Amino acid sequence: MALKLLLKINEKLSETQGFRERIVSLDRYFLLDTGANRTLFRLSEGVVVEADINSHPPDITITTTEEELSGIMEKRISPMESYSKGRIKIKSSLMDKLLFSELLA
């Protein structure tokens, strides 16, 4: 699941030039916790890569199930509905929540 998310985000970044230009200066770490797996990613210079889980504290922590995340990525489930019903939890600043929601859109 983590690899699938990584590929989706990087695809979004490569296809959306204006968006990539807006975030190229950001450096954020985000932790994906699906219960079964915990993966740390780093967004830097407009690209997302997997990072060592102990390398840096996350700026964004996303907690959900693999099934829920898969549904969101496949556009079968609305991210806003998942968030409002508590099936996906995002712990971060408001600006980082908006960033992450745009990466998944």
C-alpha atoms as a PDB file:
ATOM      1  CA  MET A   1       0.000   0.000   0.000  1.00  0.00           C
ATOM      2  CA  ALA A   2       2.811   2.438   0.856  1.00  0.00           C
ATOM      3  CA  LEU A   3       4.401   1.973  -2.565  1.00  0.00           C
ATOM      4  CA  LYS A   4       1.049   2.533  -4.265  1.00  0.00           C
ATOM      5  CA  LEU A   5       0.577   5.773  -2.320  1.00  0.00           C
ATOM      6  CA  LEU A   6       4.115   6.892  -3.137  1.00  0.00           C
ATOM      7  CA  LEU A   7       3.566   6.293  -6.851  1.00  0.00           C
ATOM      8  CA  LYS A   8       0.200   8.081  -6.849  1.00  0.00           C
ATOM      9  CA  ILE A   9       1.577  11.170  -5.126  1.00  0.00           C
ATOM     10  CA  ASN A  10       4.628  11.408  -7.371  1.00  0.00           C
ATOM     11  CA  GLU A  11       2.414  10.943 -10.436  1.00  0.00           C
ATOM     12  CA  LYS A  12       0.223  13.800  -9.227  1.00  0.00           C
ATOM     13  CA  LEU A  13       3.291  15.984  -8.666  1.00  0.00           C
ATOM     14  CA  SER A  14       4.702  15.275 -12.120  1.00  0.00           C
ATOM     15  CA  GLU A  15       1.390  15.876 -13.914  1.00  0.00           C
ATOM     16  CA  THR A  16       0.401  19.087 -12.129  1.00  0.00           C
ATOM     17  CA  GLN A  17       3.118  21.638 -12.889  1.00  0.00           C
ATOM     18  CA  GLY A  18       1.522  24.555 -11.024  1.00  0.00           C
ATOM     19  CA  PHE A  19       1.039  22.463  -7.896  1.00  0.00           C
ATOM     20  CA  ARG A  20       4.608  21.177  -7.956  1.00  0.00           C
ATOM     21  CA  GLU A  21       5.956  24.705  -8.315  1.00  0.00           C
ATOM     22  CA  ARG A  22       3.948  25.764  -5.242  1.00  0.00           C
ATOM     23  CA  ILE A  23       5.356  23.003  -3.046  1.00  0.00           C
ATOM     24  CA  VAL A  24       8.900  22.626  -4.373  1.00  0.00           C
ATOM     25  CA  SER A  25      10.299  24.590  -1.427  1.00  0.00           C
ATOM     26  CA  LEU A  26       8.448  22.514   1.203  1.00  0.00           C
ATOM     27  CA  ASP A  27      10.173  19.882   3.284  1.00  0.00           C
ATOM     28  CA  ARG A  28       7.647  17.711   5.136  1.00  0.00           C
ATOM     29  CA  TYR A  29       7.691  14.258   6.673  1.00  0.00           C
ATOM     30  CA  PHE A  30       4.483  12.277   6.832  1.00  0.00           C
ATOM     31  CA  LEU A  31       3.791   9.020   8.578  1.00  0.00           C
ATOM     32  CA  LEU A  32       1.238   6.596   7.173  1.00  0.00           C
ATOM     33  CA  ASP A  33      -0.051   4.254   9.882  1.00  0.00           C
ATOM     34  CA  THR A  34      -2.452   1.575   8.623  1.00  0.00           C
ATOM     35  CA  GLY A  35      -2.303  -0.500  11.785  1.00  0.00           C
ATOM     36  CA  ALA A  36      -0.486  -3.313  10.007  1.00  0.00           C
ATOM     37  CA  ASN A  37       2.268  -1.052   8.620  1.00  0.00           C
ATOM     38  CA  ARG A  38       3.906   2.259   9.459  1.00  0.00           C
ATOM     39  CA  THR A  39       5.767   4.065   6.681  1.00  0.00           C
ATOM     40  CA  LEU A  40       7.507   7.438   6.791  1.00  0.00           C
ATOM     41  CA  PHE A  41       7.648   9.554   3.641  1.00  0.00           C
ATOM     42  CA  ARG A  42       9.517  12.765   2.925  1.00  0.00           C
ATOM     43  CA  LEU A  43       8.267  15.476   0.581  1.00  0.00           C
ATOM     44  CA  SER A  44      11.292  17.489  -0.535  1.00  0.00           C
ATOM     45  CA  GLU A  45      12.056  19.459  -3.696  1.00  0.00           C
ATOM     46  CA  GLY A  46       8.664  18.504  -5.123  1.00  0.00           C
ATOM     47  CA  VAL A  47       9.230  14.736  -4.876  1.00  0.00           C
ATOM     48  CA  VAL A  48       8.077  12.197  -2.295  1.00  0.00           C
ATOM     49  CA  VAL A  49      10.403   9.387  -1.213  1.00  0.00           C
ATOM     50  CA  GLU A  50      10.248   6.775   1.500  1.00  0.00           C
ATOM     51  CA  ALA A  51      12.343   7.687   4.549  1.00  0.00           C
ATOM     52  CA  ASP A  52      13.798   5.718   7.438  1.00  0.00           C
ATOM     53  CA  ILE A  53      11.018   5.448  10.032  1.00  0.00           C
ATOM     54  CA  ASN A  54      13.365   6.719  12.772  1.00  0.00           C
ATOM     55  CA  SER A  55      15.026   9.499  10.766  1.00  0.00           C
ATOM     56  CA  HIS A  56      12.697  12.387  11.631  1.00  0.00           C
ATOM     57  CA  PRO A  57       9.497  13.041  13.568  1.00  0.00           C
ATOM     58  CA  PRO A  58       6.516  13.355  11.208  1.00  0.00           C
ATOM     59  CA  ASP A  59       4.940  16.718  10.414  1.00  0.00           C
ATOM     60  CA  ILE A  60       1.798  14.875   9.317  1.00  0.00           C
ATOM     61  CA  THR A  61       0.464  11.598  10.731  1.00  0.00           C
ATOM     62  CA  ILE A  62      -2.216   9.772   8.742  1.00  0.00           C
ATOM     63  CA  THR A  63      -3.993   6.918  10.517  1.00  0.00           C
ATOM     64  CA  THR A  64      -6.415   4.725   8.586  1.00  0.00           C
ATOM     65  CA  THR A  65      -6.865   1.178   7.312  1.00  0.00           C
ATOM     66  CA  GLU A  66      -5.355  -0.130   4.102  1.00  0.00           C
ATOM     67  CA  GLU A  67      -8.864  -0.739   2.757  1.00  0.00           C
ATOM     68  CA  GLU A  68      -9.945   2.844   3.426  1.00  0.00           C
ATOM     69  CA  LEU A  69      -6.798   4.301   1.875  1.00  0.00           C
ATOM     70  CA  SER A  70      -7.162   2.058  -1.145  1.00  0.00           C
ATOM     71  CA  GLY A  71     -10.770   3.219  -1.600  1.00  0.00           C
ATOM     72  CA  ILE A  72      -9.704   6.853  -1.419  1.00  0.00           C
ATOM     73  CA  MET A  73      -6.869   6.375  -3.906  1.00  0.00           C
ATOM     74  CA  GLU A  74      -9.164   4.532  -6.322  1.00  0.00           C
ATOM     75  CA  LYS A  75     -11.774   7.306  -5.917  1.00  0.00           C
ATOM     76  CA  ARG A  76     -14.412   4.855  -4.630  1.00  0.00           C
ATOM     77  CA  ILE A  77     -14.477   6.664  -1.283  1.00  0.00           C
ATOM     78  CA  SER A  78     -14.609  10.410  -0.717  1.00  0.00           C
ATOM     79  CA  PRO A  79     -11.655  11.618   1.383  1.00  0.00           C
ATOM     80  CA  MET A  80     -13.901  14.205   3.059  1.00  0.00           C
ATOM     81  CA  GLU A  81     -16.446  11.546   3.995  1.00  0.00           C
ATOM     82  CA  SER A  82     -13.687   9.321   5.422  1.00  0.00           C
ATOM     83  CA  TYR A  83     -12.300  12.227   7.415  1.00  0.00           C
ATOM     84  CA  SER A  84     -15.670  13.429   8.707  1.00  0.00           C
ATOM     85  CA  LYS A  85     -16.657   9.899   9.784  1.00  0.00           C
ATOM     86  CA  GLY A  86     -13.303   9.355  11.517  1.00  0.00           C
ATOM     87  CA  ARG A  87     -12.181   6.542   9.224  1.00  0.00           C
ATOM     88  CA  ILE A  88      -9.064   8.522   8.340  1.00  0.00           C
ATOM     89  CA  LYS A  89      -7.372  10.693  10.929  1.00  0.00           C
ATOM     90  CA  ILE A  90      -4.829  13.345  10.061  1.00  0.00           C
ATOM     91  CA  LYS A  91      -2.763  14.909  12.806  1.00  0.00           C
ATOM     92  CA  SER A  92      -1.017  18.050  11.549  1.00  0.00           C
ATOM     93  CA  SER A  93      -1.360  21.768  11.088  1.00  0.00           C
ATOM     94  CA  LEU A  94      -4.304  22.962   9.007  1.00  0.00           C
ATOM     95  CA  MET A  95      -1.974  23.959   6.159  1.00  0.00           C
ATOM     96  CA  ASP A  96      -0.426  20.488   6.088  1.00  0.00           C
ATOM     97  CA  LYS A  97      -3.886  18.871   6.103  1.00  0.00           C
ATOM     98  CA  LEU A  98      -4.786  20.938   3.048  1.00  0.00           C
ATOM     99  CA  LEU A  99      -1.510  19.956   1.385  1.00  0.00           C
ATOM    100  CA  PHE A 100      -2.134  16.258   1.972  1.00  0.00           C
ATOM    101  CA  SER A 101      -5.735  16.443   0.781  1.00  0.00           C
ATOM    102  CA  GLU A 102      -4.523  18.095  -2.423  1.00  0.00           C
ATOM    103  CA  LEU A 103      -1.920  15.373  -2.937  1.00  0.00           C
ATOM    104  CA  LEU A 104      -4.639  12.694  -2.756  1.00  0.00           C
ATOM    105  CA  ALA A 105      -7.187  14.558  -4.922  1.00  0.00           C
END
